[in-house]
Amino acid sequence: MTRDEVLQEFRDAGAILEGHFILTSGLRSSVFLQKARVFMYPDKTERLCKALAAKIEASGLGPFDFIVSPALGGLIPGYETARHLGIPAMWVERENAEFRLRRFELPAGSRVLVVEDIVTTGLSGRETVTALQSLGADVRALACLIDRSGGTADAGVPMIALAEYKVPTYDPNDLPPELAGLPAVKPGSRGLS
């Protein structure tokens, strides 16, 4: 699946939003990828995750025993990618502001692939990798549907992106005039009460 085909799946689902957005990282952007609108459609999600699974297999970074994803955003692509790879899927979730593997046991030495939805800075991925390594996991890579960083995000392990879609991000104190003139909205999930 090409980059343009991946982005077309997002466009067809109405998932590429334009405006002034507060990203999970705290950075600001004029584009927001509302992946929940894609995940509403099992056929779109299946096509994307099947293509991601093929790219993972071609990477040579496996084999993997488990996929682990950060909740909430990584649950659906993690599960669907695991289905195509034929391995179990688990997730970490926040407990006292840190990711923990609360519902599952992960044997020490397990070969793990972290699967994310969208990567901007790599922070959620790094936090997931750290949580799993503290359990003795061999975290071999992180895979995502879209890398917004254009290849600059650091997850602490090799990264496999189905597509790169470099979208400028800005510090909230250094916004371009066209963005500063729009009301900021936070459509993501982190930080909601």
N, C-alpha and C. Protein backbone atom coordinates (compact mmCIF):
# COMPACT_ATOMS: atom_id res chain seq x y z
N MET A 1 0.86 -1.17 0.00
CA MET A 1 0.00 0.00 0.00
C MET A 1 0.91 1.23 0.00
N THR A 2 0.66 2.13 -0.92
CA THR A 2 1.48 3.33 -1.03
C THR A 2 1.04 4.38 -0.01
N ARG A 3 1.90 5.36 0.18
CA ARG A 3 1.56 6.48 1.07
C ARG A 3 0.25 7.14 0.64
N ASP A 4 0.10 7.37 -0.67
CA ASP A 4 -1.12 8.02 -1.17
C ASP A 4 -2.35 7.16 -0.91
N GLU A 5 -2.22 5.85 -1.03
CA GLU A 5 -3.35 4.96 -0.75
C GLU A 5 -3.73 4.99 0.73
N VAL A 6 -2.72 5.04 1.60
CA VAL A 6 -2.99 5.13 3.04
C VAL A 6 -3.73 6.42 3.35
N LEU A 7 -3.21 7.54 2.84
CA LEU A 7 -3.85 8.83 3.09
C LEU A 7 -5.25 8.89 2.48
N GLN A 8 -5.47 8.21 1.36
CA GLN A 8 -6.80 8.19 0.75
C GLN A 8 -7.80 7.47 1.65
N GLU A 9 -7.36 6.40 2.32
CA GLU A 9 -8.25 5.71 3.28
C GLU A 9 -8.68 6.70 4.37
N PHE A 10 -7.73 7.52 4.85
CA PHE A 10 -8.05 8.53 5.87
C PHE A 10 -8.99 9.59 5.30
N ARG A 11 -8.70 10.06 4.08
CA ARG A 11 -9.57 11.08 3.46
C ARG A 11 -10.99 10.53 3.25
N ASP A 12 -11.08 9.31 2.75
CA ASP A 12 -12.39 8.71 2.48
C ASP A 12 -13.22 8.57 3.76
N ALA A 13 -12.55 8.43 4.89
CA ALA A 13 -13.25 8.31 6.18
C ALA A 13 -13.50 9.67 6.82
N GLY A 14 -13.07 10.75 6.17
CA GLY A 14 -13.22 12.09 6.75
C GLY A 14 -12.31 12.27 7.95
N ALA A 15 -11.14 11.63 7.94
CA ALA A 15 -10.26 11.60 9.10
C ALA A 15 -9.09 12.57 9.03
N ILE A 16 -8.98 13.34 7.96
CA ILE A 16 -7.93 14.36 7.88
C ILE A 16 -8.61 15.70 8.09
N LEU A 17 -8.45 16.22 9.31
CA LEU A 17 -9.14 17.46 9.71
C LEU A 17 -8.19 18.64 9.59
N GLU A 18 -8.74 19.79 9.25
CA GLU A 18 -7.94 21.02 9.16
C GLU A 18 -8.49 22.06 10.12
N GLY A 19 -7.60 22.80 10.75
CA GLY A 19 -7.97 23.83 11.73
C GLY A 19 -6.78 24.13 12.62
N HIS A 20 -7.02 24.31 13.91
CA HIS A 20 -5.96 24.57 14.90
C HIS A 20 -6.14 23.53 16.00
N PHE A 21 -5.21 22.58 16.06
CA PHE A 21 -5.36 21.44 16.95
C PHE A 21 -4.25 21.38 17.98
N ILE A 22 -4.62 21.00 19.19
CA ILE A 22 -3.67 20.73 20.26
C ILE A 22 -3.43 19.22 20.23
N LEU A 23 -2.20 18.84 19.91
CA LEU A 23 -1.85 17.43 19.82
C LEU A 23 -1.58 16.86 21.21
N THR A 24 -1.57 15.55 21.31
CA THR A 24 -1.29 14.87 22.58
C THR A 24 0.04 15.34 23.17
N SER A 25 1.00 15.62 22.30
CA SER A 25 2.33 16.07 22.73
C SER A 25 2.31 17.48 23.32
N GLY A 26 1.20 18.21 23.11
CA GLY A 26 1.14 19.62 23.53
C GLY A 26 1.48 20.55 22.38
N LEU A 27 2.08 20.02 21.32
CA LEU A 27 2.37 20.83 20.14
C LEU A 27 1.08 21.18 19.43
N ARG A 28 1.15 22.14 18.53
CA ARG A 28 -0.02 22.58 17.76
C ARG A 28 0.19 22.22 16.30
N SER A 29 -0.91 22.02 15.59
CA SER A 29 -0.86 21.67 14.18
C SER A 29 -2.10 22.16 13.47
N SER A 30 -1.97 22.38 12.17
CA SER A 30 -3.12 22.76 11.35
C SER A 30 -3.83 21.53 10.78
N VAL A 31 -3.26 20.34 11.01
CA VAL A 31 -3.86 19.09 10.53
C VAL A 31 -3.93 18.11 11.68
N PHE A 32 -5.08 17.43 11.79
CA PHE A 32 -5.26 16.38 12.79
C PHE A 32 -5.75 15.12 12.10
N LEU A 33 -5.11 14.01 12.39
CA LEU A 33 -5.52 12.73 11.83
C LEU A 33 -6.43 12.04 12.84
N GLN A 34 -7.73 12.09 12.59
CA GLN A 34 -8.71 11.51 13.51
C GLN A 34 -8.92 10.04 13.14
N LYS A 35 -7.97 9.22 13.60
CA LYS A 35 -7.98 7.80 13.22
C LYS A 35 -9.23 7.07 13.69
N ALA A 36 -9.92 7.55 14.69
CA ALA A 36 -11.16 6.92 15.14
C ALA A 36 -12.17 6.87 14.00
N ARG A 37 -12.14 7.85 13.12
CA ARG A 37 -13.06 7.85 11.97
C ARG A 37 -12.70 6.75 10.97
N VAL A 38 -11.43 6.40 10.89
CA VAL A 38 -11.02 5.28 10.04
C VAL A 38 -11.40 3.96 10.71
N PHE A 39 -11.15 3.87 12.01
CA PHE A 39 -11.40 2.62 12.74
C PHE A 39 -12.89 2.29 12.86
N MET A 40 -13.76 3.23 12.49
CA MET A 40 -15.20 2.95 12.44
C MET A 40 -15.51 1.91 11.36
N TYR A 41 -14.63 1.82 10.38
CA TYR A 41 -14.87 0.98 9.21
C TYR A 41 -13.95 -0.24 9.24
N PRO A 42 -14.49 -1.42 9.53
CA PRO A 42 -13.66 -2.62 9.58
C PRO A 42 -12.91 -2.89 8.27
N ASP A 43 -13.51 -2.59 7.12
CA ASP A 43 -12.83 -2.86 5.86
C ASP A 43 -11.61 -1.96 5.67
N LYS A 44 -11.72 -0.69 6.03
CA LYS A 44 -10.57 0.22 5.93
C LYS A 44 -9.48 -0.20 6.91
N THR A 45 -9.89 -0.50 8.14
CA THR A 45 -8.94 -0.89 9.17
C THR A 45 -8.22 -2.18 8.76
N GLU A 46 -8.97 -3.11 8.22
CA GLU A 46 -8.36 -4.37 7.77
C GLU A 46 -7.33 -4.13 6.67
N ARG A 47 -7.68 -3.32 5.67
CA ARG A 47 -6.73 -3.05 4.58
C ARG A 47 -5.45 -2.41 5.10
N LEU A 48 -5.60 -1.40 5.98
CA LEU A 48 -4.42 -0.72 6.51
C LEU A 48 -3.55 -1.66 7.33
N CYS A 49 -4.17 -2.42 8.22
CA CYS A 49 -3.39 -3.28 9.12
C CYS A 49 -2.81 -4.49 8.41
N LYS A 50 -3.49 -4.97 7.38
CA LYS A 50 -2.93 -6.07 6.58
C LYS A 50 -1.69 -5.58 5.85
N ALA A 51 -1.74 -4.36 5.32
CA ALA A 51 -0.58 -3.78 4.65
C ALA A 51 0.55 -3.52 5.65
N LEU A 52 0.19 -3.07 6.87
CA LEU A 52 1.21 -2.86 7.89
C LEU A 52 1.86 -4.20 8.27
N ALA A 53 1.06 -5.25 8.41
CA ALA A 53 1.60 -6.57 8.74
C ALA A 53 2.58 -7.05 7.67
N ALA A 54 2.24 -6.81 6.40
CA ALA A 54 3.14 -7.19 5.31
C ALA A 54 4.46 -6.41 5.39
N LYS A 55 4.37 -5.14 5.73
CA LYS A 55 5.58 -4.32 5.83
C LYS A 55 6.43 -4.78 7.02
N ILE A 56 5.78 -5.16 8.10
CA ILE A 56 6.48 -5.68 9.28
C ILE A 56 7.21 -6.97 8.92
N GLU A 57 6.52 -7.88 8.24
CA GLU A 57 7.15 -9.14 7.85
C GLU A 57 8.33 -8.91 6.93
N ALA A 58 8.24 -7.93 6.03
CA ALA A 58 9.32 -7.64 5.10
C ALA A 58 10.50 -6.93 5.76
N SER A 59 10.30 -6.40 6.97
CA SER A 59 11.35 -5.62 7.64
C SER A 59 12.53 -6.46 8.11
N GLY A 60 12.30 -7.74 8.37
CA GLY A 60 13.36 -8.59 8.90
C GLY A 60 13.64 -8.39 10.38
N LEU A 61 12.80 -7.63 11.07
CA LEU A 61 13.01 -7.35 12.49
C LEU A 61 12.40 -8.41 13.40
N GLY A 62 11.58 -9.28 12.86
CA GLY A 62 10.95 -10.34 13.64
C GLY A 62 11.88 -11.53 13.79
N PRO A 63 11.36 -12.63 14.29
CA PRO A 63 9.96 -12.87 14.58
C PRO A 63 9.54 -12.21 15.89
N PHE A 64 8.23 -12.13 16.07
CA PHE A 64 7.65 -11.54 17.27
C PHE A 64 6.74 -12.56 17.94
N ASP A 65 6.74 -12.55 19.27
CA ASP A 65 5.85 -13.41 20.04
C ASP A 65 4.54 -12.71 20.37
N PHE A 66 4.60 -11.38 20.55
CA PHE A 66 3.44 -10.61 20.96
C PHE A 66 3.48 -9.23 20.32
N ILE A 67 2.28 -8.67 20.15
CA ILE A 67 2.14 -7.25 19.86
C ILE A 67 1.60 -6.62 21.14
N VAL A 68 2.18 -5.48 21.51
CA VAL A 68 1.67 -4.71 22.64
C VAL A 68 1.46 -3.28 22.15
N SER A 69 0.29 -2.73 22.46
CA SER A 69 -0.05 -1.38 22.03
C SER A 69 -0.40 -0.50 23.21
N PRO A 70 -0.16 0.80 23.07
CA PRO A 70 -0.62 1.73 24.11
C PRO A 70 -2.12 1.98 23.96
N ALA A 71 -2.83 1.90 25.09
CA ALA A 71 -4.27 2.20 25.08
C ALA A 71 -4.42 3.72 25.13
N LEU A 72 -5.27 4.25 24.51
CA LEU A 72 -6.43 3.74 23.82
C LEU A 72 -6.20 3.65 22.32
N GLY A 73 -5.44 4.57 21.78
CA GLY A 73 -5.32 4.69 20.33
C GLY A 73 -4.74 3.48 19.62
N GLY A 74 -3.87 2.74 20.27
CA GLY A 74 -3.23 1.61 19.61
C GLY A 74 -3.99 0.30 19.68
N LEU A 75 -5.09 0.26 20.44
CA LEU A 75 -5.81 -1.01 20.63
C LEU A 75 -6.28 -1.62 19.32
N ILE A 76 -6.99 -0.87 18.51
CA ILE A 76 -7.56 -1.43 17.29
C ILE A 76 -6.49 -1.80 16.27
N PRO A 77 -5.56 -0.90 15.93
CA PRO A 77 -4.54 -1.32 14.96
C PRO A 77 -3.63 -2.42 15.51
N GLY A 78 -3.39 -2.44 16.81
CA GLY A 78 -2.58 -3.51 17.40
C GLY A 78 -3.26 -4.86 17.25
N TYR A 79 -4.54 -4.91 17.59
CA TYR A 79 -5.30 -6.15 17.49
C TYR A 79 -5.38 -6.62 16.04
N GLU A 80 -5.74 -5.72 15.14
CA GLU A 80 -5.93 -6.11 13.74
C GLU A 80 -4.61 -6.51 13.08
N THR A 81 -3.52 -5.84 13.42
CA THR A 81 -2.22 -6.22 12.88
C THR A 81 -1.80 -7.58 13.43
N ALA A 82 -2.06 -7.81 14.71
CA ALA A 82 -1.75 -9.12 15.32
C ALA A 82 -2.54 -10.23 14.63
N ARG A 83 -3.76 -9.95 14.27
CA ARG A 83 -4.58 -10.94 13.57
C ARG A 83 -3.93 -11.35 12.26
N HIS A 84 -3.40 -10.39 11.53
CA HIS A 84 -2.75 -10.68 10.25
C HIS A 84 -1.39 -11.36 10.43
N LEU A 85 -0.73 -11.11 11.55
CA LEU A 85 0.56 -11.76 11.81
C LEU A 85 0.39 -13.10 12.53
N GLY A 86 -0.82 -13.37 13.03
CA GLY A 86 -1.08 -14.63 13.71
C GLY A 86 -0.45 -14.74 15.08
N ILE A 87 -0.35 -13.59 15.79
CA ILE A 87 0.22 -13.60 17.15
C ILE A 87 -0.73 -12.87 18.10
N PRO A 88 -0.60 -13.12 19.42
CA PRO A 88 -1.48 -12.46 20.38
C PRO A 88 -1.22 -10.95 20.49
N ALA A 89 -2.28 -10.24 20.86
CA ALA A 89 -2.21 -8.79 21.06
C ALA A 89 -2.53 -8.47 22.52
N MET A 90 -1.78 -7.56 23.09
CA MET A 90 -2.00 -7.06 24.45
C MET A 90 -1.93 -5.54 24.40
N TRP A 91 -2.16 -4.92 25.55
CA TRP A 91 -2.01 -3.47 25.61
C TRP A 91 -1.55 -3.04 27.00
N VAL A 92 -0.90 -1.88 26.98
CA VAL A 92 -0.56 -1.20 28.23
C VAL A 92 -1.56 -0.08 28.40
N GLU A 93 -1.78 0.30 29.66
CA GLU A 93 -2.68 1.41 29.95
C GLU A 93 -2.07 2.24 31.08
N ARG A 94 -2.52 3.47 31.16
CA ARG A 94 -1.94 4.36 32.16
C ARG A 94 -2.47 4.05 33.55
N GLU A 95 -1.53 3.99 34.48
CA GLU A 95 -1.84 3.83 35.89
C GLU A 95 -0.90 4.78 36.62
N ASN A 96 -1.46 5.77 37.30
CA ASN A 96 -0.65 6.81 37.93
C ASN A 96 0.29 7.47 36.93
N ALA A 97 -0.26 7.79 35.75
CA ALA A 97 0.42 8.51 34.67
C ALA A 97 1.52 7.71 33.97
N GLU A 98 1.68 6.42 34.28
CA GLU A 98 2.69 5.60 33.61
C GLU A 98 2.03 4.39 32.98
N PHE A 99 2.57 3.98 31.82
CA PHE A 99 2.04 2.78 31.18
C PHE A 99 2.41 1.55 31.97
N ARG A 100 1.42 0.67 32.14
CA ARG A 100 1.59 -0.61 32.84
C ARG A 100 0.88 -1.69 32.03
N LEU A 101 1.42 -2.88 32.05
CA LEU A 101 0.77 -4.05 31.48
C LEU A 101 -0.05 -4.66 32.60
N ARG A 102 -1.30 -4.23 32.74
CA ARG A 102 -2.11 -4.56 33.91
C ARG A 102 -2.89 -5.86 33.78
N ARG A 103 -3.32 -6.21 32.60
CA ARG A 103 -4.25 -7.32 32.42
C ARG A 103 -3.61 -8.60 31.90
N PHE A 104 -2.32 -8.56 31.64
CA PHE A 104 -1.65 -9.68 30.97
C PHE A 104 -0.33 -10.00 31.66
N GLU A 105 0.17 -11.20 31.39
CA GLU A 105 1.51 -11.58 31.81
C GLU A 105 2.37 -11.68 30.55
N LEU A 106 3.57 -11.16 30.64
CA LEU A 106 4.50 -11.18 29.51
C LEU A 106 5.76 -11.90 29.97
N PRO A 107 5.99 -13.12 29.47
CA PRO A 107 7.19 -13.84 29.90
C PRO A 107 8.47 -13.06 29.57
N ALA A 108 9.41 -13.06 30.50
CA ALA A 108 10.69 -12.39 30.27
C ALA A 108 11.32 -12.95 29.00
N GLY A 109 11.93 -12.08 28.23
CA GLY A 109 12.57 -12.48 26.99
C GLY A 109 11.63 -12.54 25.79
N SER A 110 10.35 -12.27 26.00
CA SER A 110 9.39 -12.28 24.89
C SER A 110 9.80 -11.27 23.83
N ARG A 111 9.71 -11.68 22.57
CA ARG A 111 10.03 -10.80 21.45
C ARG A 111 8.78 -10.00 21.11
N VAL A 112 8.85 -8.69 21.34
CA VAL A 112 7.66 -7.84 21.28
C VAL A 112 7.78 -6.81 20.17
N LEU A 113 6.64 -6.60 19.51
CA LEU A 113 6.46 -5.52 18.55
C LEU A 113 5.42 -4.57 19.15
N VAL A 114 5.76 -3.31 19.29
CA VAL A 114 4.80 -2.30 19.74
C VAL A 114 4.09 -1.78 18.49
N VAL A 115 2.77 -1.73 18.52
CA VAL A 115 2.00 -1.19 17.39
C VAL A 115 1.22 0.02 17.87
N GLU A 116 1.42 1.12 17.17
CA GLU A 116 0.77 2.40 17.44
C GLU A 116 -0.15 2.77 16.28
N ASP A 117 -0.95 3.78 16.48
CA ASP A 117 -1.78 4.32 15.42
C ASP A 117 -1.00 5.39 14.66
N ILE A 118 -0.82 6.54 15.28
CA ILE A 118 -0.14 7.68 14.68
C ILE A 118 1.03 8.06 15.59
N VAL A 119 2.20 8.30 14.99
CA VAL A 119 3.37 8.74 15.76
C VAL A 119 3.68 10.17 15.36
N THR A 120 3.82 11.04 16.37
CA THR A 120 4.23 12.43 16.10
C THR A 120 5.62 12.67 16.70
N THR A 121 5.76 12.50 18.01
CA THR A 121 7.06 12.68 18.65
C THR A 121 7.68 11.36 19.07
N GLY A 122 6.87 10.31 19.18
CA GLY A 122 7.35 9.01 19.63
C GLY A 122 7.24 8.80 21.13
N LEU A 123 6.67 9.77 21.85
CA LEU A 123 6.62 9.69 23.31
C LEU A 123 5.83 8.47 23.80
N SER A 124 4.62 8.25 23.31
CA SER A 124 3.83 7.10 23.76
C SER A 124 4.56 5.80 23.45
N GLY A 125 5.18 5.75 22.29
CA GLY A 125 5.96 4.56 21.92
C GLY A 125 7.12 4.33 22.87
N ARG A 126 7.88 5.38 23.17
CA ARG A 126 9.01 5.26 24.10
C ARG A 126 8.54 4.82 25.48
N GLU A 127 7.43 5.40 25.93
CA GLU A 127 6.89 5.01 27.24
C GLU A 127 6.46 3.54 27.25
N THR A 128 5.88 3.08 26.15
CA THR A 128 5.48 1.68 26.04
C THR A 128 6.70 0.78 26.03
N VAL A 129 7.70 1.12 25.23
CA VAL A 129 8.94 0.34 25.15
C VAL A 129 9.57 0.25 26.54
N THR A 130 9.67 1.35 27.25
CA THR A 130 10.28 1.37 28.59
C THR A 130 9.51 0.47 29.56
N ALA A 131 8.19 0.55 29.53
CA ALA A 131 7.37 -0.28 30.42
C ALA A 131 7.60 -1.76 30.14
N LEU A 132 7.70 -2.13 28.87
CA LEU A 132 7.89 -3.53 28.51
C LEU A 132 9.30 -4.01 28.82
N GLN A 133 10.28 -3.17 28.56
CA GLN A 133 11.66 -3.55 28.88
C GLN A 133 11.85 -3.74 30.38
N SER A 134 11.11 -2.97 31.19
CA SER A 134 11.21 -3.14 32.65
C SER A 134 10.69 -4.50 33.09
N LEU A 135 9.90 -5.16 32.22
CA LEU A 135 9.39 -6.50 32.50
C LEU A 135 10.29 -7.59 31.91
N GLY A 136 11.38 -7.17 31.27
CA GLY A 136 12.31 -8.12 30.68
C GLY A 136 12.00 -8.50 29.25
N ALA A 137 11.13 -7.74 28.59
CA ALA A 137 10.78 -8.03 27.20
C ALA A 137 11.90 -7.60 26.26
N ASP A 138 12.03 -8.32 25.16
CA ASP A 138 12.93 -7.97 24.07
C ASP A 138 12.10 -7.20 23.04
N VAL A 139 12.02 -5.88 23.22
CA VAL A 139 11.22 -5.05 22.32
C VAL A 139 12.06 -4.78 21.08
N ARG A 140 11.61 -5.35 19.96
CA ARG A 140 12.42 -5.33 18.73
C ARG A 140 12.10 -4.17 17.80
N ALA A 141 10.88 -3.65 17.85
CA ALA A 141 10.50 -2.57 16.92
C ALA A 141 9.19 -1.96 17.34
N LEU A 142 8.90 -0.82 16.74
CA LEU A 142 7.60 -0.16 16.86
C LEU A 142 7.08 0.02 15.45
N ALA A 143 5.81 -0.32 15.24
CA ALA A 143 5.18 -0.12 13.93
C ALA A 143 3.98 0.80 14.11
N CYS A 144 3.71 1.60 13.09
CA CYS A 144 2.57 2.52 13.16
C CYS A 144 1.94 2.65 11.78
N LEU A 145 0.70 3.10 11.76
CA LEU A 145 0.04 3.35 10.49
C LEU A 145 0.63 4.58 9.81
N ILE A 146 0.74 5.67 10.56
CA ILE A 146 1.28 6.91 9.99
C ILE A 146 2.30 7.52 10.93
N ASP A 147 3.44 7.88 10.36
CA ASP A 147 4.49 8.60 11.08
C ASP A 147 4.41 10.06 10.65
N ARG A 148 3.87 10.90 11.54
CA ARG A 148 3.74 12.34 11.25
C ARG A 148 5.07 13.06 11.32
N SER A 149 6.08 12.42 11.90
CA SER A 149 7.36 13.10 12.09
C SER A 149 8.23 13.09 10.85
N GLY A 150 7.85 12.31 9.84
CA GLY A 150 8.69 12.21 8.66
C GLY A 150 9.98 11.44 8.93
N GLY A 151 9.94 10.54 9.89
CA GLY A 151 11.11 9.72 10.19
C GLY A 151 12.01 10.25 11.29
N THR A 152 11.63 11.35 11.95
CA THR A 152 12.50 11.92 12.98
C THR A 152 12.12 11.51 14.40
N ALA A 153 10.94 10.92 14.59
CA ALA A 153 10.52 10.52 15.95
C ALA A 153 11.43 9.40 16.44
N ASP A 154 11.71 9.42 17.74
CA ASP A 154 12.57 8.41 18.36
C ASP A 154 11.76 7.60 19.35
N ALA A 155 11.49 6.35 18.99
CA ALA A 155 10.75 5.45 19.87
C ALA A 155 11.69 4.61 20.72
N GLY A 156 12.98 4.75 20.52
CA GLY A 156 13.95 3.96 21.28
C GLY A 156 14.23 2.60 20.67
N VAL A 157 13.50 2.24 19.63
CA VAL A 157 13.70 1.00 18.87
C VAL A 157 13.46 1.32 17.40
N PRO A 158 13.84 0.43 16.48
CA PRO A 158 13.56 0.71 15.06
C PRO A 158 12.06 0.90 14.83
N MET A 159 11.73 1.77 13.88
CA MET A 159 10.33 2.08 13.61
C MET A 159 9.97 1.70 12.18
N ILE A 160 8.80 1.07 12.04
CA ILE A 160 8.24 0.68 10.75
C ILE A 160 6.95 1.46 10.59
N ALA A 161 6.89 2.32 9.60
CA ALA A 161 5.67 3.11 9.36
C ALA A 161 5.05 2.69 8.05
N LEU A 162 3.75 2.46 8.05
CA LEU A 162 3.06 2.16 6.80
C LEU A 162 3.17 3.36 5.86
N ALA A 163 3.07 4.57 6.42
CA ALA A 163 3.20 5.79 5.61
C ALA A 163 3.79 6.90 6.46
N GLU A 164 4.56 7.75 5.82
CA GLU A 164 5.02 8.98 6.46
C GLU A 164 4.18 10.12 5.91
N TYR A 165 3.77 11.01 6.81
CA TYR A 165 2.97 12.17 6.42
C TYR A 165 3.44 13.32 7.28
N LYS A 166 4.48 14.00 6.82
CA LYS A 166 5.08 15.09 7.58
C LYS A 166 4.15 16.29 7.59
N VAL A 167 3.69 16.61 8.79
CA VAL A 167 2.82 17.76 8.98
C VAL A 167 3.52 18.68 9.98
N PRO A 168 3.69 19.95 9.65
CA PRO A 168 4.37 20.85 10.58
C PRO A 168 3.65 20.92 11.93
N THR A 169 4.44 20.96 12.98
CA THR A 169 3.93 21.17 14.33
C THR A 169 4.62 22.39 14.91
N TYR A 170 3.96 23.02 15.87
CA TYR A 170 4.47 24.27 16.41
C TYR A 170 4.37 24.28 17.93
N ASP A 171 5.33 24.95 18.54
CA ASP A 171 5.26 25.24 19.96
C ASP A 171 4.08 26.20 20.16
N PRO A 172 3.28 26.01 21.21
CA PRO A 172 2.12 26.89 21.39
C PRO A 172 2.49 28.36 21.58
N ASN A 173 3.74 28.64 21.95
CA ASN A 173 4.18 30.02 22.14
C ASN A 173 4.82 30.61 20.89
N ASP A 174 4.84 29.83 19.80
CA ASP A 174 5.48 30.28 18.56
C ASP A 174 4.64 29.83 17.36
N LEU A 175 3.40 30.30 17.31
CA LEU A 175 2.47 29.89 16.26
C LEU A 175 2.55 30.84 15.06
N PRO A 176 2.40 30.29 13.86
CA PRO A 176 2.28 31.18 12.70
C PRO A 176 0.96 31.96 12.81
N PRO A 177 0.89 33.16 12.25
CA PRO A 177 -0.31 34.00 12.39
C PRO A 177 -1.60 33.31 11.95
N GLU A 178 -1.55 32.54 10.87
CA GLU A 178 -2.77 31.89 10.37
C GLU A 178 -3.31 30.85 11.35
N LEU A 179 -2.43 30.25 12.15
CA LEU A 179 -2.87 29.29 13.16
C LEU A 179 -3.28 30.01 14.44
N ALA A 180 -2.54 31.04 14.82
CA ALA A 180 -2.84 31.80 16.04
C ALA A 180 -4.22 32.45 15.98
N GLY A 181 -4.70 32.73 14.77
CA GLY A 181 -6.00 33.38 14.62
C GLY A 181 -7.19 32.43 14.70
N LEU A 182 -6.93 31.13 14.85
CA LEU A 182 -8.01 30.15 14.93
C LEU A 182 -8.15 29.64 16.36
N PRO A 183 -9.37 29.31 16.79
CA PRO A 183 -9.52 28.71 18.13
C PRO A 183 -8.90 27.31 18.14
N ALA A 184 -8.19 26.99 19.21
CA ALA A 184 -7.54 25.69 19.34
C ALA A 184 -8.51 24.66 19.92
N VAL A 185 -8.50 23.46 19.34
CA VAL A 185 -9.32 22.36 19.84
C VAL A 185 -8.42 21.15 20.09
N LYS A 186 -8.84 20.32 21.05
CA LYS A 186 -8.07 19.12 21.39
C LYS A 186 -8.93 17.89 21.13
N PRO A 187 -8.83 17.31 19.93
CA PRO A 187 -9.67 16.17 19.62
C PRO A 187 -9.12 14.83 20.10
N GLY A 188 -7.89 14.78 20.58
CA GLY A 188 -7.29 13.52 21.04
C GLY A 188 -7.85 13.08 22.39
N SER A 189 -7.34 11.95 22.90
CA SER A 189 -7.90 11.38 24.12
C SER A 189 -7.08 11.67 25.38
N ARG A 190 -5.76 11.87 25.26
CA ARG A 190 -4.97 12.04 26.46
C ARG A 190 -5.28 13.36 27.14
N GLY A 191 -5.41 13.30 28.44
CA GLY A 191 -5.66 14.50 29.22
C GLY A 191 -7.13 14.81 29.41
N LEU A 192 -8.00 13.99 28.81
CA LEU A 192 -9.43 14.22 29.03
C LEU A 192 -9.81 13.70 30.40
N SER A 193 -10.76 14.34 31.03
CA SER A 193 -11.18 13.86 32.34
C SER A 193 -12.55 13.22 32.26
